[in-house]
Amino acid sequence: MPLKWLLYWQTNVGTTVNTQVLADVIQCVESINTVKGSRWKNTLNYYRANTKDQSTANQAEFPRDLMGITLQEQPNKYYFIIHSQRIVVEADTMIPLIMEKLQSYRSRVSINFEGFQYQFGDFQLRVGKMVPLSQDSLKGIVMEMEYLPISSLDKSRRIMEEFLDMWQEIILRRSLPGRFMHIEASFAEYGLPDHYTSHHTVVQYAAMMNHLLSSGRN
């Protein structure tokens, strides 16, 4: 599948992310003659193991925390990332309902990433907001930057870096209060190959969220 980089909006010191900044970012995307497509949405959930009435020995056999995510490009699959074991697990979309019925894990936080898709030559951009499911407040801005002709991480690096530099110049000219940042995910730790897959996307979302949590930005 095509390779993508996940970017997040980092605000300048003393500023905050808001709907006006989101509107300005979208205007930047549309100003370079992109072709606007359909809506997109990914949903991320943090799960905590329901350890009530379970022995300590049993608790040690399964992860206490999971991150689950649905991806727009894989509507029939549900993905889990298990940080402690450095693995990504693929499941059916019914698995959250099964977990709920079995009361094995409970969802603690749900976050939607949603917006519109744009085509720009060989690139596809998905730009949108990060919003907790139970709230209306904007928590962040994200962009999936996808290069359609190549699926090799190594071969695409230079062109992805150049395209990101172009974006930073556009944003700088518009004097927006921030910039898009790319977190280098540790794909090798999860045993992922150079050929890009949906598992790479899951690891990128996990890396981004871990960074945001550790920096206190969300």
C-alpha atoms as a PDB file:
ATOM      1  CA  MET A   1       0.000   0.000   0.000  1.00  0.00           C
ATOM      2  CA  PRO A   2       1.118   3.634  -0.456  1.00  0.00           C
ATOM      3  CA  LEU A   3       3.455   5.043   2.130  1.00  0.00           C
ATOM      4  CA  LYS A   4       2.304   7.762   4.502  1.00  0.00           C
ATOM      5  CA  TRP A   5       3.655  10.044   7.187  1.00  0.00           C
ATOM      6  CA  LEU A   6       1.455  11.102  10.081  1.00  0.00           C
ATOM      7  CA  LEU A   7       1.908  14.740  11.066  1.00  0.00           C
ATOM      8  CA  TYR A   8       0.566  16.700  14.022  1.00  0.00           C
ATOM      9  CA  TRP A   9       0.218  20.431  14.507  1.00  0.00           C
ATOM     10  CA  GLN A  10       2.625  21.880  17.048  1.00  0.00           C
ATOM     11  CA  THR A  11       1.597  25.322  18.262  1.00  0.00           C
ATOM     12  CA  ASN A  12       4.063  28.125  18.869  1.00  0.00           C
ATOM     13  CA  VAL A  13       4.919  28.985  22.462  1.00  0.00           C
ATOM     14  CA  GLY A  14       2.155  31.046  24.027  1.00  0.00           C
ATOM     15  CA  THR A  15      -0.493  30.020  21.504  1.00  0.00           C
ATOM     16  CA  THR A  16      -3.207  27.353  21.467  1.00  0.00           C
ATOM     17  CA  VAL A  17      -4.896  25.292  18.790  1.00  0.00           C
ATOM     18  CA  ASN A  18      -8.399  26.450  17.884  1.00  0.00           C
ATOM     19  CA  THR A  19     -10.971  26.297  15.102  1.00  0.00           C
ATOM     20  CA  GLN A  20      -9.523  29.380  13.399  1.00  0.00           C
ATOM     21  CA  VAL A  21      -6.099  27.737  13.139  1.00  0.00           C
ATOM     22  CA  LEU A  22      -7.766  24.615  11.714  1.00  0.00           C
ATOM     23  CA  ALA A  23      -9.609  26.747   9.140  1.00  0.00           C
ATOM     24  CA  ASP A  24      -6.342  28.482   8.193  1.00  0.00           C
ATOM     25  CA  VAL A  25      -4.542  25.150   7.783  1.00  0.00           C
ATOM     26  CA  ILE A  26      -7.326  23.851   5.534  1.00  0.00           C
ATOM     27  CA  GLN A  27      -7.157  27.070   3.515  1.00  0.00           C
ATOM     28  CA  CYS A  28      -3.429  26.456   3.017  1.00  0.00           C
ATOM     29  CA  VAL A  29      -4.160  22.957   1.718  1.00  0.00           C
ATOM     30  CA  GLU A  30      -6.811  24.218  -0.685  1.00  0.00           C
ATOM     31  CA  SER A  31      -4.638  27.131  -1.875  1.00  0.00           C
ATOM     32  CA  ILE A  32      -2.257  24.860  -3.833  1.00  0.00           C
ATOM     33  CA  ASN A  33      -4.964  23.594  -6.214  1.00  0.00           C
ATOM     34  CA  THR A  34      -5.647  20.343  -4.436  1.00  0.00           C
ATOM     35  CA  VAL A  35      -8.748  18.366  -5.411  1.00  0.00           C
ATOM     36  CA  LYS A  36     -11.077  17.966  -2.448  1.00  0.00           C
ATOM     37  CA  GLY A  37     -12.478  14.472  -1.970  1.00  0.00           C
ATOM     38  CA  SER A  38     -14.643  12.654   0.537  1.00  0.00           C
ATOM     39  CA  ARG A  39     -14.631  12.821   4.316  1.00  0.00           C
ATOM     40  CA  TRP A  40     -12.346  10.553   6.332  1.00  0.00           C
ATOM     41  CA  LYS A  41     -12.308   9.409   9.941  1.00  0.00           C
ATOM     42  CA  ASN A  42     -10.107   7.237  12.124  1.00  0.00           C
ATOM     43  CA  THR A  43     -11.172   6.378  15.667  1.00  0.00           C
ATOM     44  CA  LEU A  44      -8.718   5.567  18.451  1.00  0.00           C
ATOM     45  CA  ASN A  45      -9.556   3.950  21.792  1.00  0.00           C
ATOM     46  CA  TYR A  46      -7.529   3.375  24.917  1.00  0.00           C
ATOM     47  CA  TYR A  47      -8.540   0.237  26.810  1.00  0.00           C
ATOM     48  CA  ARG A  48      -7.798  -0.836  30.369  1.00  0.00           C
ATOM     49  CA  ALA A  49      -8.019  -4.480  31.423  1.00  0.00           C
ATOM     50  CA  ASN A  50     -10.936  -5.213  33.746  1.00  0.00           C
ATOM     51  CA  THR A  51      -8.956  -6.901  36.529  1.00  0.00           C
ATOM     52  CA  LYS A  52     -11.785  -6.957  39.043  1.00  0.00           C
ATOM     53  CA  ASP A  53     -12.140 -10.373  40.707  1.00  0.00           C
ATOM     54  CA  GLN A  54      -9.093 -11.703  38.834  1.00  0.00           C
ATOM     55  CA  SER A  55      -6.029 -13.157  40.529  1.00  0.00           C
ATOM     56  CA  THR A  56      -2.599 -11.558  40.222  1.00  0.00           C
ATOM     57  CA  ALA A  57      -1.362 -14.628  38.365  1.00  0.00           C
ATOM     58  CA  ASN A  58      -4.075 -14.298  35.729  1.00  0.00           C
ATOM     59  CA  GLN A  59      -3.476 -10.557  35.381  1.00  0.00           C
ATOM     60  CA  ALA A  60       0.139 -11.219  34.421  1.00  0.00           C
ATOM     61  CA  GLU A  61      -0.978 -13.254  31.383  1.00  0.00           C
ATOM     62  CA  PHE A  62      -2.536 -10.379  29.450  1.00  0.00           C
ATOM     63  CA  PRO A  63      -1.691  -6.703  28.826  1.00  0.00           C
ATOM     64  CA  ARG A  64      -3.212  -4.176  31.218  1.00  0.00           C
ATOM     65  CA  ASP A  65      -3.505  -1.492  28.544  1.00  0.00           C
ATOM     66  CA  LEU A  66      -4.324  -1.582  24.840  1.00  0.00           C
ATOM     67  CA  MET A  67      -4.644   1.001  22.127  1.00  0.00           C
ATOM     68  CA  GLY A  68      -7.225   0.122  19.460  1.00  0.00           C
ATOM     69  CA  ILE A  69      -7.845   1.971  16.207  1.00  0.00           C
ATOM     70  CA  THR A  70     -10.012   1.842  13.100  1.00  0.00           C
ATOM     71  CA  LEU A  71      -8.515   3.150   9.863  1.00  0.00           C
ATOM     72  CA  GLN A  72     -10.396   4.702   6.966  1.00  0.00           C
ATOM     73  CA  GLU A  73      -8.552   2.618   4.380  1.00  0.00           C
ATOM     74  CA  GLN A  74      -9.273  -0.696   6.142  1.00  0.00           C
ATOM     75  CA  PRO A  75     -12.992  -0.482   7.100  1.00  0.00           C
ATOM     76  CA  ASN A  76     -13.324  -4.222   7.829  1.00  0.00           C
ATOM     77  CA  LYS A  77     -10.441  -4.431  10.292  1.00  0.00           C
ATOM     78  CA  TYR A  78      -9.720  -3.345  13.841  1.00  0.00           C
ATOM     79  CA  TYR A  79      -6.151  -2.909  15.044  1.00  0.00           C
ATOM     80  CA  PHE A  80      -4.595  -3.196  18.479  1.00  0.00           C
ATOM     81  CA  ILE A  81      -1.129  -2.158  19.505  1.00  0.00           C
ATOM     82  CA  ILE A  82       0.406  -3.804  22.568  1.00  0.00           C
ATOM     83  CA  HIS A  83       3.276  -1.595  23.710  1.00  0.00           C
ATOM     84  CA  SER A  84       4.654  -3.983  26.313  1.00  0.00           C
ATOM     85  CA  GLN A  85       5.182  -6.721  23.721  1.00  0.00           C
ATOM     86  CA  ARG A  86       5.855  -4.429  20.739  1.00  0.00           C
ATOM     87  CA  ILE A  87       3.270  -6.046  18.482  1.00  0.00           C
ATOM     88  CA  VAL A  88       0.353  -4.934  16.303  1.00  0.00           C
ATOM     89  CA  VAL A  89      -2.676  -7.230  16.178  1.00  0.00           C
ATOM     90  CA  GLU A  90      -5.277  -7.305  13.399  1.00  0.00           C
ATOM     91  CA  ALA A  91      -8.861  -8.283  14.262  1.00  0.00           C
ATOM     92  CA  ASP A  92     -12.436  -8.095  12.998  1.00  0.00           C
ATOM     93  CA  THR A  93     -14.418  -4.906  13.565  1.00  0.00           C
ATOM     94  CA  MET A  94     -16.716  -6.844  15.929  1.00  0.00           C
ATOM     95  CA  ILE A  95     -13.928  -7.304  18.486  1.00  0.00           C
ATOM     96  CA  PRO A  96     -14.752  -4.157  20.559  1.00  0.00           C
ATOM     97  CA  LEU A  97     -18.332  -5.408  21.012  1.00  0.00           C
ATOM     98  CA  ILE A  98     -17.054  -8.843  22.026  1.00  0.00           C
ATOM     99  CA  MET A  99     -14.677  -7.258  24.556  1.00  0.00           C
ATOM    100  CA  GLU A 100     -17.551  -5.240  25.979  1.00  0.00           C
ATOM    101  CA  LYS A 101     -19.783  -8.283  26.348  1.00  0.00           C
ATOM    102  CA  LEU A 102     -17.012 -10.353  27.932  1.00  0.00           C
ATOM    103  CA  GLN A 103     -16.104  -7.404  30.177  1.00  0.00           C
ATOM    104  CA  SER A 104     -12.434  -8.202  29.593  1.00  0.00           C
ATOM    105  CA  TYR A 105     -11.442  -4.619  28.767  1.00  0.00           C
ATOM    106  CA  ARG A 106     -13.163  -1.293  29.176  1.00  0.00           C
ATOM    107  CA  SER A 107     -12.710   1.757  26.999  1.00  0.00           C
ATOM    108  CA  ARG A 108     -11.247   4.685  28.919  1.00  0.00           C
ATOM    109  CA  VAL A 109     -10.812   7.294  26.181  1.00  0.00           C
ATOM    110  CA  SER A 110     -12.103   7.506  22.597  1.00  0.00           C
ATOM    111  CA  ILE A 111     -10.742  10.017  20.084  1.00  0.00           C
ATOM    112  CA  ASN A 112     -11.891  10.794  16.560  1.00  0.00           C
ATOM    113  CA  PHE A 113      -9.544  12.058  13.851  1.00  0.00           C
ATOM    114  CA  GLU A 114     -11.737  13.430  11.088  1.00  0.00           C
ATOM    115  CA  GLY A 115     -11.730  15.793   8.159  1.00  0.00           C
ATOM    116  CA  PHE A 116     -11.455  15.739   4.360  1.00  0.00           C
ATOM    117  CA  GLN A 117      -9.202  14.068   1.818  1.00  0.00           C
ATOM    118  CA  TYR A 118      -7.328  16.044  -0.835  1.00  0.00           C
ATOM    119  CA  GLN A 119      -5.482  14.942  -3.963  1.00  0.00           C
ATOM    120  CA  PHE A 120      -2.351  16.795  -5.029  1.00  0.00           C
ATOM    121  CA  GLY A 121      -0.546  15.105  -7.910  1.00  0.00           C
ATOM    122  CA  ASP A 122       0.977  11.881  -6.580  1.00  0.00           C
ATOM    123  CA  PHE A 123       0.130  12.845  -3.009  1.00  0.00           C
ATOM    124  CA  GLN A 124      -3.039  12.304  -1.030  1.00  0.00           C
ATOM    125  CA  LEU A 125      -3.599  14.415   2.064  1.00  0.00           C
ATOM    126  CA  ARG A 126      -6.022  13.750   4.880  1.00  0.00           C
ATOM    127  CA  VAL A 127      -6.395  16.825   7.036  1.00  0.00           C
ATOM    128  CA  GLY A 128      -8.562  17.056  10.097  1.00  0.00           C
ATOM    129  CA  LYS A 129      -9.161  17.604  13.752  1.00  0.00           C
ATOM    130  CA  MET A 130      -8.549  15.501  16.827  1.00  0.00           C
ATOM    131  CA  VAL A 131     -11.656  15.484  19.049  1.00  0.00           C
ATOM    132  CA  PRO A 132     -12.512  13.309  22.090  1.00  0.00           C
ATOM    133  CA  LEU A 133     -15.668  11.307  21.382  1.00  0.00           C
ATOM    134  CA  SER A 134     -17.522  12.620  24.432  1.00  0.00           C
ATOM    135  CA  GLN A 135     -16.584  16.271  23.849  1.00  0.00           C
ATOM    136  CA  ASP A 136     -16.808  18.920  21.165  1.00  0.00           C
ATOM    137  CA  SER A 137     -13.529  20.605  22.080  1.00  0.00           C
ATOM    138  CA  LEU A 138     -10.745  20.630  19.497  1.00  0.00           C
ATOM    139  CA  LYS A 139      -7.643  18.928  20.902  1.00  0.00           C
ATOM    140  CA  GLY A 140      -5.363  18.974  17.888  1.00  0.00           C
ATOM    141  CA  ILE A 141      -4.855  19.004  14.126  1.00  0.00           C
ATOM    142  CA  VAL A 142      -3.430  16.097  12.150  1.00  0.00           C
ATOM    143  CA  MET A 143      -2.425  15.395   8.566  1.00  0.00           C
ATOM    144  CA  GLU A 144      -1.840  12.063   6.861  1.00  0.00           C
ATOM    145  CA  MET A 145       0.603  12.745   4.035  1.00  0.00           C
ATOM    146  CA  GLU A 146       0.489   9.817   1.602  1.00  0.00           C
ATOM    147  CA  TYR A 147       2.743   9.298  -1.428  1.00  0.00           C
ATOM    148  CA  LEU A 148       0.912   7.031  -3.849  1.00  0.00           C
ATOM    149  CA  PRO A 149       3.657   5.685  -6.193  1.00  0.00           C
ATOM    150  CA  ILE A 150       5.993   4.201  -3.554  1.00  0.00           C
ATOM    151  CA  SER A 151       5.558   1.832  -0.604  1.00  0.00           C
ATOM    152  CA  SER A 152       9.234   1.673   0.461  1.00  0.00           C
ATOM    153  CA  LEU A 153      10.117   3.628   3.595  1.00  0.00           C
ATOM    154  CA  ASP A 154      13.719   4.068   2.532  1.00  0.00           C
ATOM    155  CA  LYS A 155      13.109   5.060  -1.095  1.00  0.00           C
ATOM    156  CA  SER A 156      10.408   7.598  -0.230  1.00  0.00           C
ATOM    157  CA  ARG A 157      12.219   9.402   2.600  1.00  0.00           C
ATOM    158  CA  ARG A 158      13.784  12.154   0.523  1.00  0.00           C
ATOM    159  CA  ILE A 159      10.631  13.090  -1.390  1.00  0.00           C
ATOM    160  CA  MET A 160       8.570  13.036   1.826  1.00  0.00           C
ATOM    161  CA  GLU A 161      11.056  15.330   3.532  1.00  0.00           C
ATOM    162  CA  GLU A 162      10.997  17.717   0.568  1.00  0.00           C
ATOM    163  CA  PHE A 163       7.191  17.755   0.490  1.00  0.00           C
ATOM    164  CA  LEU A 164       7.063  18.458   4.233  1.00  0.00           C
ATOM    165  CA  ASP A 165       9.571  21.316   3.772  1.00  0.00           C
ATOM    166  CA  MET A 166       7.252  22.763   1.121  1.00  0.00           C
ATOM    167  CA  TRP A 167       4.405  22.683   3.621  1.00  0.00           C
ATOM    168  CA  GLN A 168       6.453  24.459   6.247  1.00  0.00           C
ATOM    169  CA  GLU A 169       7.225  27.238   3.752  1.00  0.00           C
ATOM    170  CA  ILE A 170       3.531  27.660   2.898  1.00  0.00           C
ATOM    171  CA  ILE A 171       2.617  27.850   6.579  1.00  0.00           C
ATOM    172  CA  LEU A 172       5.458  30.284   7.278  1.00  0.00           C
ATOM    173  CA  ARG A 173       4.305  32.598   4.478  1.00  0.00           C
ATOM    174  CA  ARG A 174       0.816  32.587   5.978  1.00  0.00           C
ATOM    175  CA  SER A 175       2.269  33.422   9.415  1.00  0.00           C
ATOM    176  CA  LEU A 176       0.323  30.643  11.112  1.00  0.00           C
ATOM    177  CA  PRO A 177       1.098  30.126  14.830  1.00  0.00           C
ATOM    178  CA  GLY A 178       2.701  26.697  14.556  1.00  0.00           C
ATOM    179  CA  ARG A 179       3.946  24.004  12.214  1.00  0.00           C
ATOM    180  CA  PHE A 180       3.406  20.373  11.274  1.00  0.00           C
ATOM    181  CA  MET A 181       5.706  17.880  12.975  1.00  0.00           C
ATOM    182  CA  HIS A 182       6.575  14.292  12.075  1.00  0.00           C
ATOM    183  CA  ILE A 183       7.388  11.771  14.810  1.00  0.00           C
ATOM    184  CA  GLU A 184       9.870   9.099  13.756  1.00  0.00           C
ATOM    185  CA  ALA A 185       8.165   5.849  14.766  1.00  0.00           C
ATOM    186  CA  SER A 186      10.309   2.846  15.747  1.00  0.00           C
ATOM    187  CA  PHE A 187       9.022   0.418  13.119  1.00  0.00           C
ATOM    188  CA  ALA A 188      11.942  -1.971  13.667  1.00  0.00           C
ATOM    189  CA  GLU A 189      10.926  -2.475  17.302  1.00  0.00           C
ATOM    190  CA  TYR A 190       7.627  -3.902  16.051  1.00  0.00           C
ATOM    191  CA  GLY A 191       9.294  -6.114  13.449  1.00  0.00           C
ATOM    192  CA  LEU A 192       7.792  -4.168  10.548  1.00  0.00           C
ATOM    193  CA  PRO A 193       9.452  -4.348   7.113  1.00  0.00           C
ATOM    194  CA  ASP A 194      10.513  -1.572   4.732  1.00  0.00           C
ATOM    195  CA  HIS A 195       7.355  -2.234   2.677  1.00  0.00           C
ATOM    196  CA  TYR A 196       4.579  -0.039   4.117  1.00  0.00           C
ATOM    197  CA  THR A 197       1.415  -1.604   5.605  1.00  0.00           C
ATOM    198  CA  SER A 198      -1.500  -0.519   7.775  1.00  0.00           C
ATOM    199  CA  HIS A 199       0.514  -1.741  10.772  1.00  0.00           C
ATOM    200  CA  HIS A 200       2.954   1.096  10.118  1.00  0.00           C
ATOM    201  CA  THR A 201       0.055   3.568  10.320  1.00  0.00           C
ATOM    202  CA  VAL A 202      -1.043   2.101  13.658  1.00  0.00           C
ATOM    203  CA  VAL A 203       2.483   2.442  15.064  1.00  0.00           C
ATOM    204  CA  GLN A 204       2.639   6.060  13.864  1.00  0.00           C
ATOM    205  CA  TYR A 205      -0.612   6.934  15.631  1.00  0.00           C
ATOM    206  CA  ALA A 206       0.673   5.281  18.803  1.00  0.00           C
ATOM    207  CA  ALA A 207       3.973   7.182  18.598  1.00  0.00           C
ATOM    208  CA  MET A 208       2.179  10.483  18.037  1.00  0.00           C
ATOM    209  CA  MET A 209      -0.230   9.947  20.923  1.00  0.00           C
ATOM    210  CA  ASN A 210       2.587   8.889  23.261  1.00  0.00           C
ATOM    211  CA  HIS A 211       4.444  12.063  22.365  1.00  0.00           C
ATOM    212  CA  LEU A 212       1.383  14.256  22.922  1.00  0.00           C
ATOM    213  CA  LEU A 213       0.644  12.582  26.254  1.00  0.00           C
ATOM    214  CA  SER A 214       4.221  12.936  27.470  1.00  0.00           C
ATOM    215  CA  SER A 215       4.386  16.602  26.428  1.00  0.00           C
ATOM    216  CA  GLY A 216       0.992  17.363  27.954  1.00  0.00           C
ATOM    217  CA  ARG A 217      -0.319  18.903  24.725  1.00  0.00           C
ATOM    218  CA  ASN A 218      -3.627  16.980  24.689  1.00  0.00           C
END
